[in-house]
């Protein structure tokens, strides 16, 4: 496995290219990224709060790599869908 997986230098160019392609220009100080499922999202919205763990404190170091790979797969699928629909 690539030792840079899960690091900013590995994912930033990919994520940045998607943000540009989706024409999304968020203010960096206004964006919060949080990996969760649908129930977690509902809980965040209903409670108005979010909990996070420092990545170095996770008991399974593959968690961040797994979620980053799943995000990459989902975004690549979105690009294919957009290409098939002629969306640029």
Protein backbone atom coordinates (compact mmCIF):
# COMPACT_ATOMS: atom_id res chain seq x y z
CA UNK A 1 0.00 0.00 0.00
CA UNK A 2 1.23 3.48 -0.86
CA UNK A 3 2.55 5.09 2.38
CA UNK A 4 1.30 8.51 1.29
CA UNK A 5 -2.34 7.36 1.19
CA UNK A 6 -4.28 9.35 3.75
CA UNK A 7 -1.95 12.33 3.55
CA UNK A 8 -2.78 15.74 2.13
CA UNK A 9 -0.15 15.59 -0.65
CA UNK A 10 -1.74 12.37 -1.92
CA UNK A 11 -5.36 13.57 -2.03
CA UNK A 12 -5.20 17.33 -2.41
CA UNK A 13 -4.54 17.40 -6.18
CA UNK A 14 -7.38 14.93 -6.77
CA UNK A 15 -9.89 16.71 -4.52
CA UNK A 16 -8.85 20.12 -5.84
CA UNK A 17 -9.44 18.99 -9.44
CA UNK A 18 -12.93 17.78 -8.47
CA UNK A 19 -13.77 21.02 -6.72
CA UNK A 20 -12.71 22.94 -9.82
CA UNK A 21 -14.69 20.62 -12.09
CA UNK A 22 -17.82 20.93 -9.95
CA UNK A 23 -17.37 24.72 -9.99
CA UNK A 24 -17.43 24.82 -6.21
CA UNK A 25 -15.34 27.54 -4.61
CA UNK A 26 -15.74 27.27 -0.86
CA UNK A 27 -13.95 29.60 1.49
CA UNK A 28 -11.35 27.32 3.14
CA UNK A 29 -12.12 28.68 6.59
CA UNK A 30 -15.84 27.87 6.16
CA UNK A 31 -15.57 24.18 5.21
CA UNK A 32 -15.66 21.25 7.63
CA UNK A 33 -15.13 17.71 6.33
CA UNK A 34 -16.64 14.91 8.39
CA UNK A 35 -16.94 11.22 7.48
CA UNK A 36 -20.28 9.82 8.66
CA UNK A 37 -23.32 7.89 7.52
CA UNK A 38 -26.91 9.08 7.02
CA UNK A 39 -27.90 8.51 10.66
CA UNK A 40 -24.80 10.39 11.78
CA UNK A 41 -25.67 13.33 9.51
CA UNK A 42 -29.20 13.47 10.93
CA UNK A 43 -27.74 13.43 14.44
CA UNK A 44 -25.39 16.28 13.59
CA UNK A 45 -28.22 18.37 12.16
CA UNK A 46 -30.62 17.62 15.02
CA UNK A 47 -28.10 18.24 17.79
CA UNK A 48 -26.29 21.14 16.13
CA UNK A 49 -22.99 19.60 17.21
CA UNK A 50 -20.21 17.49 15.74
CA UNK A 51 -17.69 15.22 17.40
CA UNK A 52 -14.32 14.40 15.94
CA UNK A 53 -11.29 12.36 16.94
CA UNK A 54 -7.70 13.26 16.24
CA UNK A 55 -6.63 10.85 13.50
CA UNK A 56 -3.58 9.74 15.44
CA UNK A 57 -5.88 8.58 18.26
CA UNK A 58 -7.88 6.16 16.11
CA UNK A 59 -7.50 2.55 17.16
CA UNK A 60 -7.46 1.38 13.53
CA UNK A 61 -5.02 3.26 11.32
CA UNK A 62 -6.73 1.97 8.18
CA UNK A 63 -9.93 3.92 8.93
CA UNK A 64 -8.73 7.10 7.25
CA UNK A 65 -7.29 5.24 4.30
CA UNK A 66 -10.51 3.29 3.82
CA UNK A 67 -12.72 6.38 3.97
CA UNK A 68 -10.39 8.30 1.66
CA UNK A 69 -10.46 5.47 -0.89
CA UNK A 70 -14.26 5.28 -0.71
CA UNK A 71 -14.52 9.05 -1.23
CA UNK A 72 -12.22 8.81 -4.24
CA UNK A 73 -14.31 5.96 -5.72
CA UNK A 74 -17.54 7.93 -5.23
CA UNK A 75 -16.11 11.07 -6.80
CA UNK A 76 -14.74 9.13 -9.78
CA UNK A 77 -18.19 7.58 -10.28
CA UNK A 78 -19.70 11.07 -10.17
CA UNK A 79 -17.27 12.24 -12.85
CA UNK A 80 -18.22 9.31 -15.08
CA UNK A 81 -21.91 10.09 -14.59
CA UNK A 82 -21.32 13.76 -15.37
CA UNK A 83 -19.32 12.85 -18.48
CA UNK A 84 -22.05 10.48 -19.66
CA UNK A 85 -24.63 13.24 -19.25
CA UNK A 86 -22.44 15.82 -20.99
CA UNK A 87 -22.04 17.89 -17.84
CA UNK A 88 -18.74 19.73 -17.56
